[in-house]
Protein backbone atom coordinates (compact mmCIF):
# COMPACT_ATOMS: atom_id res chain seq x y z
CA UNK A 1 125.38 -92.91 -125.17
CA UNK A 2 125.43 -89.13 -125.18
CA UNK A 3 124.18 -87.25 -128.22
CA UNK A 4 127.54 -85.55 -128.77
CA UNK A 5 129.07 -89.04 -129.22
CA UNK A 6 126.75 -89.75 -132.15
CA UNK A 7 127.94 -89.96 -135.73
CA UNK A 8 127.02 -87.63 -138.56
CA UNK A 9 124.15 -88.96 -140.68
CA UNK A 10 122.88 -91.51 -138.15
CA UNK A 11 119.46 -91.67 -136.49
CA UNK A 12 118.96 -91.84 -132.74
CA UNK A 13 116.12 -92.03 -130.24
CA UNK A 14 116.27 -89.71 -127.23
CA UNK A 15 116.23 -91.73 -123.99
CA UNK A 16 116.67 -88.86 -121.53
CA UNK A 17 117.43 -85.18 -121.07
CA UNK A 18 119.70 -84.27 -118.16
CA UNK A 19 120.08 -80.50 -118.03
CA UNK A 20 119.26 -77.65 -115.72
CA UNK A 21 115.53 -77.06 -115.45
CA UNK A 22 115.45 -73.98 -117.68
CA UNK A 23 117.39 -75.69 -120.48
CA UNK A 24 115.35 -78.90 -120.19
CA UNK A 25 112.11 -76.93 -120.53
CA UNK A 26 113.44 -75.13 -123.60
CA UNK A 27 114.51 -78.40 -125.22
CA UNK A 28 111.08 -79.84 -124.48
CA UNK A 29 109.43 -76.83 -126.12
CA UNK A 30 111.63 -77.42 -129.19
CA UNK A 31 110.52 -81.06 -129.34
CA UNK A 32 113.54 -82.80 -127.81
CA UNK A 33 111.72 -85.20 -125.47
CA UNK A 34 112.16 -88.84 -124.48
CA UNK A 35 111.38 -91.28 -127.33
CA UNK A 36 111.83 -88.54 -129.96
CA UNK A 37 113.83 -89.51 -133.07
CA UNK A 38 116.73 -87.20 -133.98
CA UNK A 39 119.29 -87.21 -136.79
CA UNK A 40 122.81 -85.82 -136.44
CA UNK A 41 123.31 -83.58 -139.47
CA UNK A 42 126.71 -82.08 -138.69
CA UNK A 43 129.39 -82.17 -135.99
CA UNK A 44 131.98 -79.53 -135.23
CA UNK A 45 135.40 -80.11 -133.70
CA UNK A 46 134.40 -78.04 -130.66
CA UNK A 47 131.73 -80.60 -129.78
CA UNK A 48 128.75 -78.60 -130.98
CA UNK A 49 126.40 -80.22 -133.45
CA UNK A 50 123.37 -79.69 -135.65
CA UNK A 51 120.48 -82.11 -135.32
CA UNK A 52 117.19 -82.58 -137.12
CA UNK A 53 114.21 -83.12 -134.83
CA UNK A 54 110.57 -83.11 -135.96
CA UNK A 55 111.49 -81.49 -139.28
CA UNK A 56 113.49 -78.65 -137.70
CA UNK A 57 117.26 -78.19 -137.55
CA UNK A 58 118.69 -77.25 -134.17
CA UNK A 59 122.21 -76.24 -133.22
CA UNK A 60 123.33 -77.50 -129.81
CA UNK A 61 126.46 -76.65 -127.87
CA UNK A 62 128.69 -79.39 -126.47
CA UNK A 63 127.48 -78.98 -122.88
CA UNK A 64 123.80 -79.32 -123.80
CA UNK A 65 124.46 -82.23 -126.19
CA UNK A 66 126.31 -84.07 -123.40
CA UNK A 67 123.13 -83.92 -121.31
CA UNK A 68 120.99 -85.69 -123.92
CA UNK A 69 121.19 -89.49 -123.85
CA UNK A 70 120.28 -91.45 -126.97
CA UNK A 71 120.26 -94.92 -128.46
CA UNK A 72 120.95 -95.67 -132.10
CA UNK A 73 118.04 -96.61 -134.32
CA UNK A 74 118.97 -99.51 -136.59
CA UNK A 75 117.64 -99.94 -140.12
CA UNK A 76 116.52 -96.39 -140.86
C-alpha cells in the first residue's frame, strides 16, 4: 500500500521509496528508508500528511507520499 493510503494513528513499516533520485536521497537523509517504522499523525484532504519517523515529525506532499510503499504493523 502507499503511505498516503494509510490511516491516521496507525503504524507502518516502509517497504520501498519510489521517487526521483534527488527526493529519494533527501528522504533517506531524513530517515525514511526501507524497514523504517513510521506513524501517520495527521492527514489532510489534499493528500498531504504528517508522519513521525525516528522521533521527528515530517510533512509530506501527496506526490511524495504516493511514492513511499508501506505495510501495516500489527499489535503496536
